[in-house]
């Protein structure tokens, strides 16, 4: 029983630890910028596809751009939710 309480206290302390908040936020922002570049800058999607071995064509480039837009929105949403959580 005492071991379980110690484990629960450890989990709570790790969960409430905020020492790495800035690093996580910077990583999320880097992910947002990278995926936004994939979606917006011409030439990034075909270069990425060529590097991965996928055949480069109109359809695959379009799919890569749509995926980039989706991921950029996801990263931005996570950043906004984290900021709202910090304010509360």
C-alpha atoms as a PDB file:
ATOM      1  CA  UNK A   1       0.000   0.000   0.000  1.00  0.00           C
ATOM      2  CA  UNK A   2       2.819   2.414   0.858  1.00  0.00           C
ATOM      3  CA  UNK A   3       4.517   1.600  -2.462  1.00  0.00           C
ATOM      4  CA  UNK A   4       1.350   2.478  -4.358  1.00  0.00           C
ATOM      5  CA  UNK A   5       1.075   5.843  -2.610  1.00  0.00           C
ATOM      6  CA  UNK A   6       4.707   6.593  -3.403  1.00  0.00           C
ATOM      7  CA  UNK A   7       4.122   5.717  -7.071  1.00  0.00           C
ATOM      8  CA  UNK A   8       1.029   7.955  -7.240  1.00  0.00           C
ATOM      9  CA  UNK A   9       2.970  10.834  -5.658  1.00  0.00           C
ATOM     10  CA  UNK A  10       5.758  10.325  -8.219  1.00  0.00           C
ATOM     11  CA  UNK A  11       3.278  10.403 -11.117  1.00  0.00           C
ATOM     12  CA  UNK A  12       1.645  13.570  -9.785  1.00  0.00           C
ATOM     13  CA  UNK A  13       5.024  15.282  -9.374  1.00  0.00           C
ATOM     14  CA  UNK A  14       6.080  14.383 -12.941  1.00  0.00           C
ATOM     15  CA  UNK A  15       2.698  15.487 -14.299  1.00  0.00           C
ATOM     16  CA  UNK A  16       2.874  18.874 -12.575  1.00  0.00           C
ATOM     17  CA  UNK A  17       6.548  19.502 -13.446  1.00  0.00           C
ATOM     18  CA  UNK A  18       6.798  22.520 -15.766  1.00  0.00           C
ATOM     19  CA  UNK A  19      10.581  22.748 -16.177  1.00  0.00           C
ATOM     20  CA  UNK A  20      10.542  21.720 -19.848  1.00  0.00           C
ATOM     21  CA  UNK A  21       7.561  23.808 -20.984  1.00  0.00           C
ATOM     22  CA  UNK A  22       9.588  26.249 -23.082  1.00  0.00           C
ATOM     23  CA  UNK A  23      11.491  23.511 -24.875  1.00  0.00           C
ATOM     24  CA  UNK A  24       8.267  21.716 -25.760  1.00  0.00           C
ATOM     25  CA  UNK A  25       6.750  24.943 -27.043  1.00  0.00           C
ATOM     26  CA  UNK A  26       9.791  25.700 -29.207  1.00  0.00           C
ATOM     27  CA  UNK A  27       9.661  22.172 -30.644  1.00  0.00           C
ATOM     28  CA  UNK A  28       5.977  22.605 -31.476  1.00  0.00           C
ATOM     29  CA  UNK A  29       6.702  25.937 -33.166  1.00  0.00           C
ATOM     30  CA  UNK A  30       9.502  24.354 -35.215  1.00  0.00           C
ATOM     31  CA  UNK A  31       7.109  21.621 -36.289  1.00  0.00           C
ATOM     32  CA  UNK A  32       4.542  24.230 -37.277  1.00  0.00           C
ATOM     33  CA  UNK A  33       7.046  26.218 -39.353  1.00  0.00           C
ATOM     34  CA  UNK A  34       8.373  23.075 -41.065  1.00  0.00           C
ATOM     35  CA  UNK A  35       4.949  21.753 -42.007  1.00  0.00           C
ATOM     36  CA  UNK A  36       3.754  25.201 -43.098  1.00  0.00           C
ATOM     37  CA  UNK A  37       6.815  25.441 -45.371  1.00  0.00           C
ATOM     38  CA  UNK A  38       5.957  22.026 -46.802  1.00  0.00           C
ATOM     39  CA  UNK A  39       2.476  23.258 -47.627  1.00  0.00           C
ATOM     40  CA  UNK A  40       3.284  26.764 -48.859  1.00  0.00           C
ATOM     41  CA  UNK A  41       6.766  26.949 -50.421  1.00  0.00           C
ATOM     42  CA  UNK A  42       6.850  25.511 -53.946  1.00  0.00           C
ATOM     43  CA  UNK A  43       9.543  22.940 -54.453  1.00  0.00           C
ATOM     44  CA  UNK A  44       9.722  21.723 -50.848  1.00  0.00           C
ATOM     45  CA  UNK A  45       7.140  18.956 -51.287  1.00  0.00           C
ATOM     46  CA  UNK A  46       8.722  17.474 -54.445  1.00  0.00           C
ATOM     47  CA  UNK A  47      12.194  17.596 -52.874  1.00  0.00           C
ATOM     48  CA  UNK A  48      10.917  15.831 -49.769  1.00  0.00           C
ATOM     49  CA  UNK A  49       9.111  13.220 -51.849  1.00  0.00           C
ATOM     50  CA  UNK A  50      12.208  12.603 -53.993  1.00  0.00           C
ATOM     51  CA  UNK A  51      14.270  12.086 -50.855  1.00  0.00           C
ATOM     52  CA  UNK A  52      11.858   9.503 -49.493  1.00  0.00           C
ATOM     53  CA  UNK A  53      11.641   7.454 -52.674  1.00  0.00           C
ATOM     54  CA  UNK A  54       8.000   8.232 -53.462  1.00  0.00           C
ATOM     55  CA  UNK A  55       7.292   8.884 -57.128  1.00  0.00           C
ATOM     56  CA  UNK A  56       7.095  12.624 -57.729  1.00  0.00           C
ATOM     57  CA  UNK A  57       3.991  13.633 -59.591  1.00  0.00           C
ATOM     58  CA  UNK A  58       1.108  16.053 -59.410  1.00  0.00           C
ATOM     59  CA  UNK A  59      -1.047  13.814 -57.196  1.00  0.00           C
ATOM     60  CA  UNK A  60       1.692  12.963 -54.691  1.00  0.00           C
ATOM     61  CA  UNK A  61       2.805  16.595 -54.467  1.00  0.00           C
ATOM     62  CA  UNK A  62      -0.798  17.650 -53.878  1.00  0.00           C
ATOM     63  CA  UNK A  63      -1.175  14.987 -51.174  1.00  0.00           C
ATOM     64  CA  UNK A  64       2.076  16.113 -49.514  1.00  0.00           C
ATOM     65  CA  UNK A  65       0.869  19.726 -49.473  1.00  0.00           C
ATOM     66  CA  UNK A  66      -2.519  18.771 -48.015  1.00  0.00           C
ATOM     67  CA  UNK A  67      -0.758  16.698 -45.360  1.00  0.00           C
ATOM     68  CA  UNK A  68       1.504  19.673 -44.594  1.00  0.00           C
ATOM     69  CA  UNK A  69      -1.503  21.960 -44.159  1.00  0.00           C
ATOM     70  CA  UNK A  70      -3.182  19.430 -41.877  1.00  0.00           C
ATOM     71  CA  UNK A  71      -0.064  18.980 -39.737  1.00  0.00           C
ATOM     72  CA  UNK A  72       0.500  22.747 -39.520  1.00  0.00           C
ATOM     73  CA  UNK A  73      -3.062  23.181 -38.228  1.00  0.00           C
ATOM     74  CA  UNK A  74      -2.530  20.380 -35.705  1.00  0.00           C
ATOM     75  CA  UNK A  75       0.720  21.925 -34.431  1.00  0.00           C
ATOM     76  CA  UNK A  76      -0.895  25.353 -34.198  1.00  0.00           C
ATOM     77  CA  UNK A  77      -3.870  23.889 -32.319  1.00  0.00           C
ATOM     78  CA  UNK A  78      -1.587  22.183 -29.805  1.00  0.00           C
ATOM     79  CA  UNK A  79       0.338  25.432 -29.264  1.00  0.00           C
ATOM     80  CA  UNK A  80      -2.898  27.354 -28.679  1.00  0.00           C
ATOM     81  CA  UNK A  81      -4.245  24.723 -26.269  1.00  0.00           C
ATOM     82  CA  UNK A  82      -0.991  24.742 -24.295  1.00  0.00           C
ATOM     83  CA  UNK A  83      -1.114  28.537 -24.054  1.00  0.00           C
ATOM     84  CA  UNK A  84      -4.711  28.446 -22.837  1.00  0.00           C
ATOM     85  CA  UNK A  85      -3.741  25.838 -20.246  1.00  0.00           C
ATOM     86  CA  UNK A  86      -0.945  28.065 -18.948  1.00  0.00           C
ATOM     87  CA  UNK A  87      -3.301  31.033 -18.553  1.00  0.00           C
ATOM     88  CA  UNK A  88      -5.832  29.106 -16.481  1.00  0.00           C
END
